[in-house]
PDB file of N, CA and C in Angstrom:
ATOM      1  N   PHE A   1       0.937  -1.050   0.068  1.00  0.00           N
ATOM      2  CA  PHE A   1       0.124   0.260   0.085  1.00  0.00           C
ATOM      3  C   PHE A   1       1.066   1.162   0.150  1.00  0.00           C
ATOM      4  N   GLU A   2       0.438   2.225  -0.609  1.00  0.00           N
ATOM      5  CA  GLU A   2       1.511   3.472  -0.629  1.00  0.00           C
ATOM      6  C   GLU A   2       0.907   4.347   0.361  1.00  0.00           C
ATOM      7  N   ARG A   3       1.557   4.860   1.032  1.00  0.00           N
ATOM      8  CA  ARG A   3       1.459   5.658   2.515  1.00  0.00           C
ATOM      9  C   ARG A   3       0.726   6.845   2.325  1.00  0.00           C
ATOM     10  N   ASP A   4       0.891   7.674   0.951  1.00  0.00           N
ATOM     11  CA  ASP A   4       0.530   8.849   0.951  1.00  0.00           C
ATOM     12  C   ASP A   4      -0.866   8.679   0.576  1.00  0.00           C
ATOM     13  N   ILE A   5      -1.542   7.888  -0.612  1.00  0.00           N
ATOM     14  CA  ILE A   5      -2.619   7.290  -0.824  1.00  0.00           C
ATOM     15  C   ILE A   5      -3.789   6.846   0.362  1.00  0.00           C
ATOM     16  N   LEU A   6      -3.036   6.061   1.030  1.00  0.00           N
ATOM     17  CA  LEU A   6      -3.700   5.835   2.793  1.00  0.00           C
ATOM     18  C   LEU A   6      -4.157   7.193   3.089  1.00  0.00           C
ATOM     19  N   LEU A   7      -2.832   8.096   3.332  1.00  0.00           N
ATOM     20  CA  LEU A   7      -3.509   9.330   4.330  1.00  0.00           C
ATOM     21  C   LEU A   7      -4.270   9.989   3.302  1.00  0.00           C
ATOM     22  N   SER A   8      -4.521   9.781   2.359  1.00  0.00           N
ATOM     23  CA  SER A   8      -5.435  11.061   1.448  1.00  0.00           C
ATOM     24  C   SER A   8      -6.589  10.510   1.746  1.00  0.00           C
ATOM     25  N   ASP A   9      -6.583   8.890   1.534  1.00  0.00           N
ATOM     26  CA  ASP A   9      -8.049   8.460   1.478  1.00  0.00           C
ATOM     27  C   ASP A   9      -8.485   8.700   3.177  1.00  0.00           C
ATOM     28  N   LEU A  10      -7.795   8.667   4.059  1.00  0.00           N
ATOM     29  CA  LEU A  10      -8.353   8.912   5.438  1.00  0.00           C
ATOM     30  C   LEU A  10      -8.502   9.999   6.010  1.00  0.00           C
ATOM     31  N   ARG A  11      -7.907  11.025   5.016  1.00  0.00           N
ATOM     32  CA  ARG A  11      -7.980  12.474   5.441  1.00  0.00           C
ATOM     33  C   ARG A  11      -9.700  12.902   4.647  1.00  0.00           C
ATOM     34  N   GLN A  12     -10.412  12.300   3.652  1.00  0.00           N
ATOM     35  CA  GLN A  12     -11.495  12.421   2.901  1.00  0.00           C
ATOM     36  C   GLN A  12     -12.630  11.294   3.132  1.00  0.00           C
ATOM     37  N   HIS A  13     -12.156  10.351   3.747  1.00  0.00           N
ATOM     38  CA  HIS A  13     -13.342   8.941   4.114  1.00  0.00           C
ATOM     39  C   HIS A  13     -12.930   8.631   5.342  1.00  0.00           C
ATOM     40  N   VAL A  14     -14.118   7.818   5.568  1.00  0.00           N
ATOM     41  CA  VAL A  14     -13.640   6.789   6.641  1.00  0.00           C
ATOM     42  C   VAL A  14     -13.543   5.045   6.528  1.00  0.00           C
ATOM     43  N   CYS A  15     -12.323   4.834   6.387  1.00  0.00           N
ATOM     44  CA  CYS A  15     -12.058   3.773   5.999  1.00  0.00           C
ATOM     45  C   CYS A  15     -12.195   2.566   6.870  1.00  0.00           C
ATOM     46  N   GLU A  16     -12.404   1.044   6.078  1.00  0.00           N
ATOM     47  CA  GLU A  16     -12.014   0.105   7.236  1.00  0.00           C
ATOM     48  C   GLU A  16     -10.412  -0.251   6.895  1.00  0.00           C
ATOM     49  N   ILE A  17      -9.785  -0.606   8.265  1.00  0.00           N
ATOM     50  CA  ILE A  17      -8.282  -0.954   7.826  1.00  0.00           C
ATOM     51  C   ILE A  17      -8.461  -2.423   8.648  1.00  0.00           C
ATOM     52  N   PHE A  18      -7.810  -3.315   7.250  1.00  0.00           N
ATOM     53  CA  PHE A  18      -7.860  -4.983   7.535  1.00  0.00           C
ATOM     54  C   PHE A  18      -6.343  -5.207   8.147  1.00  0.00           C
ATOM     55  N   PHE A  19      -5.594  -5.339   8.809  1.00  0.00           N
ATOM     56  CA  PHE A  19      -4.356  -5.702   9.140  1.00  0.00           C
ATOM     57  C   PHE A  19      -4.042  -6.781   9.865  1.00  0.00           C
ATOM     58  N   LYS A  20      -3.075  -7.252   9.888  1.00  0.00           N
ATOM     59  CA  LYS A  20      -2.224  -8.260  11.066  1.00  0.00           C
ATOM     60  C   LYS A  20      -1.395  -8.152  12.355  1.00  0.00           C
ATOM     61  N   ASP A  21      -2.318  -8.454  13.417  1.00  0.00           N
ATOM     62  CA  ASP A  21      -1.708  -7.954  14.636  1.00  0.00           C
ATOM     63  C   ASP A  21      -0.201  -8.671  14.703  1.00  0.00           C
ATOM     64  N   ASN A  22       0.756  -8.559  15.655  1.00  0.00           N
ATOM     65  CA  ASN A  22       1.782  -9.079  15.841  1.00  0.00           C
ATOM     66  C   ASN A  22       1.859 -10.759  16.059  1.00  0.00           C
ATOM     67  N   SER A  23       0.791 -11.291  16.391  1.00  0.00           N
ATOM     68  CA  SER A  23       0.666 -12.838  16.553  1.00  0.00           C
ATOM     69  C   SER A  23       0.091 -13.253  15.233  1.00  0.00           C
ATOM     70  N   GLY A  24      -0.021 -11.929  14.359  1.00  0.00           N
ATOM     71  CA  GLY A  24      -0.690 -12.678  12.948  1.00  0.00           C
ATOM     72  C   GLY A  24      -2.351 -12.873  12.670  1.00  0.00           C
ATOM     73  N   LYS A  25      -3.053 -12.588  13.758  1.00  0.00           N
ATOM     74  CA  LYS A  25      -4.516 -12.090  13.894  1.00  0.00           C
ATOM     75  C   LYS A  25      -5.003 -10.994  12.884  1.00  0.00           C
ATOM     76  N   GLN A  26      -5.786 -11.726  12.273  1.00  0.00           N
ATOM     77  CA  GLN A  26      -6.576 -10.441  11.136  1.00  0.00           C
ATOM     78  C   GLN A  26      -7.423  -9.566  12.195  1.00  0.00           C
ATOM     79  N   LEU A  27      -7.268  -7.987  11.864  1.00  0.00           N
ATOM     80  CA  LEU A  27      -8.261  -7.488  13.179  1.00  0.00           C
ATOM     81  C   LEU A  27      -8.162  -6.726  11.646  1.00  0.00           C
ATOM     82  N   ALA A  28      -9.817  -5.546  12.152  1.00  0.00           N
ATOM     83  CA  ALA A  28     -10.070  -4.531  11.369  1.00  0.00           C
ATOM     84  C   ALA A  28     -10.376  -3.159  12.396  1.00  0.00           C
ATOM     85  N   VAL A  29     -10.356  -2.441  11.659  1.00  0.00           N
ATOM     86  CA  VAL A  29     -10.424  -0.817  12.633  1.00  0.00           C
ATOM     87  C   VAL A  29     -10.891   0.062  11.697  1.00  0.00           C
ATOM     88  N   ARG A  30     -12.344   0.571  12.041  1.00  0.00           N
ATOM     89  CA  ARG A  30     -12.881   1.922  11.084  1.00  0.00           C
ATOM     90  C   ARG A  30     -11.901   3.249  11.807  1.00  0.00           C
ATOM     91  N   CYS A  31     -11.271   3.850  10.955  1.00  0.00           N
ATOM     92  CA  CYS A  31     -10.952   4.790  11.221  1.00  0.00           C
ATOM     93  C   CYS A  31     -10.951   6.155   9.983  1.00  0.00           C
ATOM     94  N   SER A  32     -10.359   7.276  10.362  1.00  0.00           N
ATOM     95  CA  SER A  32     -10.511   8.220   9.500  1.00  0.00           C
ATOM     96  C   SER A  32      -9.544   9.483   9.966  1.00  0.00           C
ATOM     97  N   LEU A  33      -9.506  10.514   9.303  1.00  0.00           N
ATOM     98  CA  LEU A  33      -8.882  11.926   9.506  1.00  0.00           C
ATOM     99  C   LEU A  33      -9.635  12.868   9.111  1.00  0.00           C
ATOM    100  N   ARG A  34     -10.694  12.611   8.854  1.00  0.00           N
ATOM    101  CA  ARG A  34     -11.826  13.509   8.377  1.00  0.00           C
ATOM    102  C   ARG A  34     -12.127  14.689   9.904  1.00  0.00           C
ATOM    103  N   HIS A  35     -12.109  15.673   9.624  1.00  0.00           N
ATOM    104  CA  HIS A  35     -12.107  16.624  10.703  1.00  0.00           C
ATOM    105  C   HIS A  35     -13.555  16.535  11.174  1.00  0.00           C
ATOM    106  N   ASP A  36     -14.768  15.950  10.215  1.00  0.00           N
ATOM    107  CA  ASP A  36     -15.951  15.752  10.740  1.00  0.00           C
ATOM    108  C   ASP A  36     -16.318  14.931  11.702  1.00  0.00           C
ATOM    109  N   VAL A  37     -15.352  13.720  11.865  1.00  0.00           N
ATOM    110  CA  VAL A  37     -15.100  12.309  12.628  1.00  0.00           C
ATOM    111  C   VAL A  37     -14.383  12.781  13.847  1.00  0.00           C
ATOM    112  N   LEU A  38     -13.190  13.318  13.628  1.00  0.00           N
ATOM    113  CA  LEU A  38     -12.537  13.573  14.784  1.00  0.00           C
ATOM    114  C   LEU A  38     -13.107  14.399  16.046  1.00  0.00           C
ATOM    115  N   PRO A  39     -12.410  14.193  17.040  1.00  0.00           N
ATOM    116  CA  PRO A  39     -12.993  14.768  18.649  1.00  0.00           C
ATOM    117  C   PRO A  39     -13.032  16.382  18.455  1.00  0.00           C
ATOM    118  N   GLU A  40     -13.963  16.899  18.899  1.00  0.00           N
ATOM    119  CA  GLU A  40     -14.026  18.358  18.924  1.00  0.00           C
ATOM    120  C   GLU A  40     -12.981  18.977  19.648  1.00  0.00           C
ATOM    121  N   SER A  41     -12.085  18.118  20.028  1.00  0.00           N
ATOM    122  CA  SER A  41     -10.817  18.931  21.157  1.00  0.00           C
ATOM    123  C   SER A  41      -9.808  18.999  19.872  1.00  0.00           C
ATOM    124  N   TYR A  42     -10.040  18.396  18.152  1.00  0.00           N
ATOM    125  CA  TYR A  42      -8.782  18.087  17.743  1.00  0.00           C
ATOM    126  C   TYR A  42      -8.964  19.458  16.895  1.00  0.00           C
ATOM    127  N   SER A  43      -7.394  19.890  17.040  1.00  0.00           N
ATOM    128  CA  SER A  43      -6.987  21.649  16.634  1.00  0.00           C
ATOM    129  C   SER A  43      -6.372  21.628  15.788  1.00  0.00           C
ATOM    130  N   LEU A  44      -5.961  22.665  15.154  1.00  0.00           N
ATOM    131  CA  LEU A  44      -4.730  22.929  14.254  1.00  0.00           C
ATOM    132  C   LEU A  44      -3.641  22.480  14.721  1.00  0.00           C
ATOM    133  N   THR A  45      -3.118  22.550  15.590  1.00  0.00           N
ATOM    134  CA  THR A  45      -2.202  22.433  16.621  1.00  0.00           C
ATOM    135  C   THR A  45      -2.000  21.092  16.415  1.00  0.00           C
ATOM    136  N   GLU A  46      -3.083  20.101  16.707  1.00  0.00           N
ATOM    137  CA  GLU A  46      -2.846  18.731  16.536  1.00  0.00           C
ATOM    138  C   GLU A  46      -2.781  18.017  15.287  1.00  0.00           C
ATOM    139  N   GLU A  47      -3.728  18.626  14.193  1.00  0.00           N
ATOM    140  CA  GLU A  47      -3.225  18.193  12.765  1.00  0.00           C
ATOM    141  C   GLU A  47      -2.137  18.688  12.342  1.00  0.00           C
ATOM    142  N   GLU A  48      -1.082  19.565  12.701  1.00  0.00           N
ATOM    143  CA  GLU A  48       0.497  19.693  12.799  1.00  0.00           C
ATOM    144  C   GLU A  48       1.260  18.566  13.222  1.00  0.00           C
ATOM    145  N   LYS A  49       0.773  18.462  14.106  1.00  0.00           N
ATOM    146  CA  LYS A  49       1.102  17.374  14.937  1.00  0.00           C
ATOM    147  C   LYS A  49       1.176  15.693  14.460  1.00  0.00           C
ATOM    148  N   GLU A  50       0.012  15.631  14.043  1.00  0.00           N
ATOM    149  CA  GLU A  50      -0.571  14.527  13.358  1.00  0.00           C
ATOM    150  C   GLU A  50       0.733  14.438  11.824  1.00  0.00           C
ATOM    151  N   ARG A  51       0.420  15.773  10.998  1.00  0.00           N
ATOM    152  CA  ARG A  51       1.266  15.919   9.781  1.00  0.00           C
ATOM    153  C   ARG A  51       2.662  15.384  10.156  1.00  0.00           C
ATOM    154  N   GLU A  52       3.561  15.877  11.396  1.00  0.00           N
ATOM    155  CA  GLU A  52       4.567  16.090  11.258  1.00  0.00           C
ATOM    156  C   GLU A  52       4.996  14.198  11.901  1.00  0.00           C
ATOM    157  N   PHE A  53       4.274  13.805  12.828  1.00  0.00           N
ATOM    158  CA  PHE A  53       4.383  12.308  13.050  1.00  0.00           C
ATOM    159  C   PHE A  53       4.606  11.487  11.976  1.00  0.00           C
ATOM    160  N   HIS A  54       3.018  11.851  10.931  1.00  0.00           N
ATOM    161  CA  HIS A  54       3.285  11.030   9.621  1.00  0.00           C
ATOM    162  C   HIS A  54       4.491  11.793   8.888  1.00  0.00           C
ATOM    163  N   ALA A  55       5.319  12.225   9.065  1.00  0.00           N
ATOM    164  CA  ALA A  55       6.445  12.825   7.893  1.00  0.00           C
ATOM    165  C   ALA A  55       7.501  12.160   8.645  1.00  0.00           C
ATOM    166  N   LYS A  56       7.849  11.975  10.109  1.00  0.00           N
ATOM    167  CA  LYS A  56       9.078  11.565  10.442  1.00  0.00           C
ATOM    168  C   LYS A  56       8.703  10.010  11.076  1.00  0.00           C
ATOM    169  N   ASN A  57       7.899   9.204  10.853  1.00  0.00           N
ATOM    170  CA  ASN A  57       7.611   7.949  10.679  1.00  0.00           C
ATOM    171  C   ASN A  57       6.866   7.526   9.503  1.00  0.00           C
ATOM    172  N   PRO A  58       7.637   7.366   8.213  1.00  0.00           N
ATOM    173  CA  PRO A  58       6.910   6.641   7.100  1.00  0.00           C
ATOM    174  C   PRO A  58       6.375   5.431   7.065  1.00  0.00           C
ATOM    175  N   GLU A  59       6.747   4.578   7.812  1.00  0.00           N
ATOM    176  CA  GLU A  59       6.055   3.217   7.927  1.00  0.00           C
ATOM    177  C   GLU A  59       5.138   2.961   8.714  1.00  0.00           C
ATOM    178  N   ILE A  60       4.616   3.647   9.757  1.00  0.00           N
ATOM    179  CA  ILE A  60       3.894   3.817  10.667  1.00  0.00           C
ATOM    180  C   ILE A  60       2.477   4.977  10.300  1.00  0.00           C
ATOM    181  N   LEU A  61       1.094   4.196  10.184  1.00  0.00           N
ATOM    182  CA  LEU A  61       0.066   5.146   9.999  1.00  0.00           C
ATOM    183  C   LEU A  61      -0.667   5.317  11.553  1.00  0.00           C
ATOM    184  N   SER A  62      -1.263   6.264  11.577  1.00  0.00           N
ATOM    185  CA  SER A  62      -1.902   7.162  12.430  1.00  0.00           C
ATOM    186  C   SER A  62      -3.575   7.521  12.209  1.00  0.00           C
ATOM    187  N   ALA A  63      -4.534   7.025  12.894  1.00  0.00           N
ATOM    188  CA  ALA A  63      -5.647   7.454  12.661  1.00  0.00           C
ATOM    189  C   ALA A  63      -6.753   7.636  13.798  1.00  0.00           C
ATOM    190  N   TRP A  64      -7.736   8.418  13.872  1.00  0.00           N
ATOM    191  CA  TRP A  64      -8.420   8.035  14.827  1.00  0.00           C
ATOM    192  C   TRP A  64      -9.559   6.686  14.582  1.00  0.00           C
ATOM    193  N   ASP A  65      -9.749   5.976  15.458  1.00  0.00           N
ATOM    194  CA  ASP A  65     -10.541   4.899  15.481  1.00  0.00           C
ATOM    195  C   ASP A  65     -12.127   5.490  16.210  1.00  0.00           C
ATOM    196  N   ILE A  66     -12.673   5.266  14.890  1.00  0.00           N
ATOM    197  CA  ILE A  66     -14.204   5.974  15.390  1.00  0.00           C
ATOM    198  C   ILE A  66     -14.935   5.026  16.218  1.00  0.00           C
ATOM    199  N   MET A  67     -14.931   3.978  16.473  1.00  0.00           N
ATOM    200  CA  MET A  67     -15.349   2.890  17.305  1.00  0.00           C
ATOM    201  C   MET A  67     -15.104   2.888  18.409  1.00  0.00           C
ATOM    202  N   ASN A  68     -13.888   3.038  18.973  1.00  0.00           N
ATOM    203  CA  ASN A  68     -12.804   3.391  20.447  1.00  0.00           C
ATOM    204  C   ASN A  68     -12.848   4.388  20.373  1.00  0.00           C
ATOM    205  N   SER A  69     -12.872   5.864  19.806  1.00  0.00           N
ATOM    206  CA  SER A  69     -12.665   6.845  20.195  1.00  0.00           C
ATOM    207  C   SER A  69     -11.297   7.302  20.394  1.00  0.00           C
ATOM    208  N   GLY A  70     -10.036   6.577  19.951  1.00  0.00           N
ATOM    209  CA  GLY A  70      -8.733   6.955  19.839  1.00  0.00           C
ATOM    210  C   GLY A  70      -7.850   7.041  18.907  1.00  0.00           C
ATOM    211  N   TRP A  71      -6.947   7.065  19.143  1.00  0.00           N
ATOM    212  CA  TRP A  71      -6.055   7.033  17.898  1.00  0.00           C
ATOM    213  C   TRP A  71      -5.357   5.621  18.104  1.00  0.00           C
ATOM    214  N   LYS A  72      -5.380   5.149  16.863  1.00  0.00           N
ATOM    215  CA  LYS A  72      -4.822   3.797  16.305  1.00  0.00           C
ATOM    216  C   LYS A  72      -3.540   4.111  15.453  1.00  0.00           C
ATOM    217  N   GLN A  73      -2.444   3.319  15.817  1.00  0.00           N
ATOM    218  CA  GLN A  73      -1.462   2.830  14.956  1.00  0.00           C
ATOM    219  C   GLN A  73      -0.918   1.412  14.264  1.00  0.00           C
ATOM    220  N   PHE A  74      -0.744   1.403  13.456  1.00  0.00           N
ATOM    221  CA  PHE A  74      -0.413   0.481  12.765  1.00  0.00           C
ATOM    222  C   PHE A  74       0.833   0.581  11.957  1.00  0.00           C
ATOM    223  N   HIS A  75       1.993  -0.471  11.150  1.00  0.00           N
ATOM    224  CA  HIS A  75       2.728  -0.517  10.797  1.00  0.00           C
ATOM    225  C   HIS A  75       2.236  -0.716   8.855  1.00  0.00           C
ATOM    226  N   ILE A  76       2.468   0.052   8.344  1.00  0.00           N
ATOM    227  CA  ILE A  76       1.888   0.147   6.847  1.00  0.00           C
ATOM    228  C   ILE A  76       2.134  -1.534   6.266  1.00  0.00           C
ATOM    229  N   ASN A  77       3.071  -1.913   6.528  1.00  0.00           N
ATOM    230  CA  ASN A  77       3.183  -3.352   6.145  1.00  0.00           C
ATOM    231  C   ASN A  77       2.173  -4.620   6.403  1.00  0.00           C
ATOM    232  N   SER A  78       1.913  -3.793   7.874  1.00  0.00           N
ATOM    233  CA  SER A  78       0.888  -5.162   8.332  1.00  0.00           C
ATOM    234  C   SER A  78      -0.451  -4.624   7.752  1.00  0.00           C
ATOM    235  N   ILE A  79      -0.832  -4.198   6.729  1.00  0.00           N
ATOM    236  CA  ILE A  79      -2.230  -3.282   6.519  1.00  0.00           C
ATOM    237  C   ILE A  79      -2.194  -4.689   5.227  1.00  0.00           C
ATOM    238  N   THR A  80      -3.584  -5.342   5.386  1.00  0.00           N
ATOM    239  CA  THR A  80      -4.099  -6.035   4.347  1.00  0.00           C
ATOM    240  C   THR A  80      -4.769  -5.885   2.804  1.00  0.00           C
ATOM    241  N   TYR A  81      -5.895  -4.954   3.691  1.00  0.00           N
ATOM    242  CA  TYR A  81      -6.800  -4.676   3.003  1.00  0.00           C
ATOM    243  C   TYR A  81      -7.425  -3.487   3.667  1.00  0.00           C
ATOM    244  N   ILE A  82      -8.062  -2.255   2.666  1.00  0.00           N
ATOM    245  CA  ILE A  82      -8.777  -1.322   2.793  1.00  0.00           C
ATOM    246  C   ILE A  82      -9.774  -0.824   2.385  1.00  0.00           C
ATOM    247  N   GLN A  83     -10.927  -0.429   2.380  1.00  0.00           N
ATOM    248  CA  GLN A  83     -12.380  -0.344   1.901  1.00  0.00           C
ATOM    249  C   GLN A  83     -12.818   0.527   2.561  1.00  0.00           C
ATOM    250  N   ILE A  84     -12.832   1.679   2.033  1.00  0.00           N
ATOM    251  CA  ILE A  84     -14.103   3.156   1.764  1.00  0.00           C
ATOM    252  C   ILE A  84     -15.297   3.056   2.232  1.00  0.00           C
ATOM    253  N   ILE A  85     -15.525   3.469   3.308  1.00  0.00           N
ATOM    254  CA  ILE A  85     -16.970   2.832   3.963  1.00  0.00           C
ATOM    255  C   ILE A  85     -17.657   4.574   4.021  1.00  0.00           C
ATOM    256  N   ASP A  86     -17.179   5.332   4.258  1.00  0.00           N
ATOM    257  CA  ASP A  86     -17.765   6.650   4.661  1.00  0.00           C
ATOM    258  C   ASP A  86     -19.365   6.501   5.659  1.00  0.00           C
ATOM    259  N   THR A  87     -19.596   5.557   6.167  1.00  0.00           N
ATOM    260  CA  THR A  87     -20.808   4.930   6.987  1.00  0.00           C
ATOM    261  C   THR A  87     -20.090   4.659   8.613  1.00  0.00           C
ATOM    262  N   PHE A  88     -20.873   4.671   9.193  1.00  0.00           N
ATOM    263  CA  PHE A  88     -20.445   4.018  10.808  1.00  0.00           C
ATOM    264  C   PHE A  88     -21.167   3.946  11.731  1.00  0.00           C
TER     265      PHE A  88
END
């Protein structure tokens, strides 16, 4: 998967990301970086931090887990499938 495309998709949509955890188990999480999905406390300063994080960590993807209301990080090489869903 191409990281920049993944980030673009997450900034525009809600996505279901399927990935393998450290034990090899297949998991799925619905996440996004869309402003209307992020918590109200998310500010421009935090957006700058998110963009800086992604610039410094090219192999890791961080996005807001909309089902568990928290940040989720995954190694890009652990992602097996992505589906744009936009509904949650």
